[in-house]
């Protein structure tokens, strides 16, 4: 979605997505109307974070490399 990013930005984006989604999973555990235990909330949040980080970082456009013509010099 965001295109080609430097490696550091990809790692930061993945870490932020995991932290936010795991926090949302913990928040769902804290809501008394939804009967979940802590393990289910953490696993659901982490799984959602992994899926969100894949969607954010993956480049869905198929970029084909063009053939580059190499010219060699004769000595």
Protein backbone atom coordinates (compact mmCIF):
# COMPACT_ATOMS: atom_id res chain seq x y z
CA UNK A 1 0.00 0.00 0.00
CA UNK A 2 2.73 2.45 0.88
CA UNK A 3 5.09 1.28 -1.84
CA UNK A 4 8.80 0.69 -1.59
CA UNK A 5 10.04 1.89 1.78
CA UNK A 6 13.47 1.74 3.39
CA UNK A 7 13.98 -1.25 5.66
CA UNK A 8 13.96 0.81 8.88
CA UNK A 9 10.59 2.34 8.02
CA UNK A 10 9.15 -1.09 7.24
CA UNK A 11 10.28 -2.43 10.62
CA UNK A 12 8.87 0.59 12.45
CA UNK A 13 5.56 0.27 10.59
CA UNK A 14 5.31 -3.43 11.39
CA UNK A 15 6.15 -2.83 15.07
CA UNK A 16 3.59 -0.03 15.32
CA UNK A 17 0.87 -2.16 13.70
CA UNK A 18 1.60 -5.05 16.08
CA UNK A 19 1.57 -2.81 19.16
CA UNK A 20 -1.66 -1.06 18.17
CA UNK A 21 -3.52 -4.24 17.23
CA UNK A 22 -2.33 -6.11 20.32
CA UNK A 23 -3.48 -3.14 22.41
CA UNK A 24 -6.89 -3.32 20.75
CA UNK A 25 -6.97 -7.05 21.56
CA UNK A 26 -6.22 -6.28 25.21
CA UNK A 27 -8.91 -3.61 25.19
CA UNK A 28 -11.45 -6.17 23.92
CA UNK A 29 -10.48 -8.37 26.87
CA UNK A 30 -11.12 -5.50 29.27
CA UNK A 31 -14.63 -4.81 27.90
CA UNK A 32 -17.04 -6.72 30.14
CA UNK A 33 -19.71 -7.16 27.43
CA UNK A 34 -17.42 -9.38 25.35
CA UNK A 35 -16.49 -12.55 27.25
CA UNK A 36 -12.87 -13.22 26.19
CA UNK A 37 -9.89 -14.36 28.15
CA UNK A 38 -6.46 -12.74 27.95
CA UNK A 39 -4.88 -15.35 25.67
CA UNK A 40 -7.62 -15.07 23.04
CA UNK A 41 -7.36 -11.28 23.05
CA UNK A 42 -3.58 -11.33 22.65
CA UNK A 43 -3.66 -13.92 19.87
CA UNK A 44 -6.45 -12.15 18.01
CA UNK A 45 -4.68 -8.80 18.32
CA UNK A 46 -1.33 -10.21 17.21
CA UNK A 47 -2.90 -12.02 14.24
CA UNK A 48 -4.68 -8.85 13.18
CA UNK A 49 -1.43 -6.91 13.59
CA UNK A 50 0.44 -9.37 11.39
CA UNK A 51 -2.24 -9.13 8.71
CA UNK A 52 -2.31 -5.34 8.92
CA UNK A 53 1.47 -5.06 8.71
CA UNK A 54 1.51 -7.32 5.64
CA UNK A 55 -1.10 -5.17 3.93
CA UNK A 56 0.75 -1.96 4.85
CA UNK A 57 4.21 -3.09 3.76
CA UNK A 58 3.54 -5.42 0.82
CA UNK A 59 3.78 -3.96 -2.67
CA UNK A 60 0.83 -5.40 -4.60
CA UNK A 61 1.91 -3.99 -7.96
CA UNK A 62 3.80 -6.47 -10.07
CA UNK A 63 6.89 -4.59 -11.10
CA UNK A 64 8.72 -6.27 -13.91
CA UNK A 65 12.30 -5.38 -14.38
CA UNK A 66 13.18 -4.27 -17.85
CA UNK A 67 16.04 -5.89 -19.62
CA UNK A 68 19.00 -3.58 -19.50
CA UNK A 69 21.38 -3.53 -22.38
CA UNK A 70 24.99 -3.67 -21.26
CA UNK A 71 27.60 -2.27 -23.55
CA UNK A 72 31.12 -3.50 -23.06
CA UNK A 73 34.09 -1.48 -24.11
CA UNK A 74 36.70 -3.08 -26.26
CA UNK A 75 40.27 -2.33 -25.20
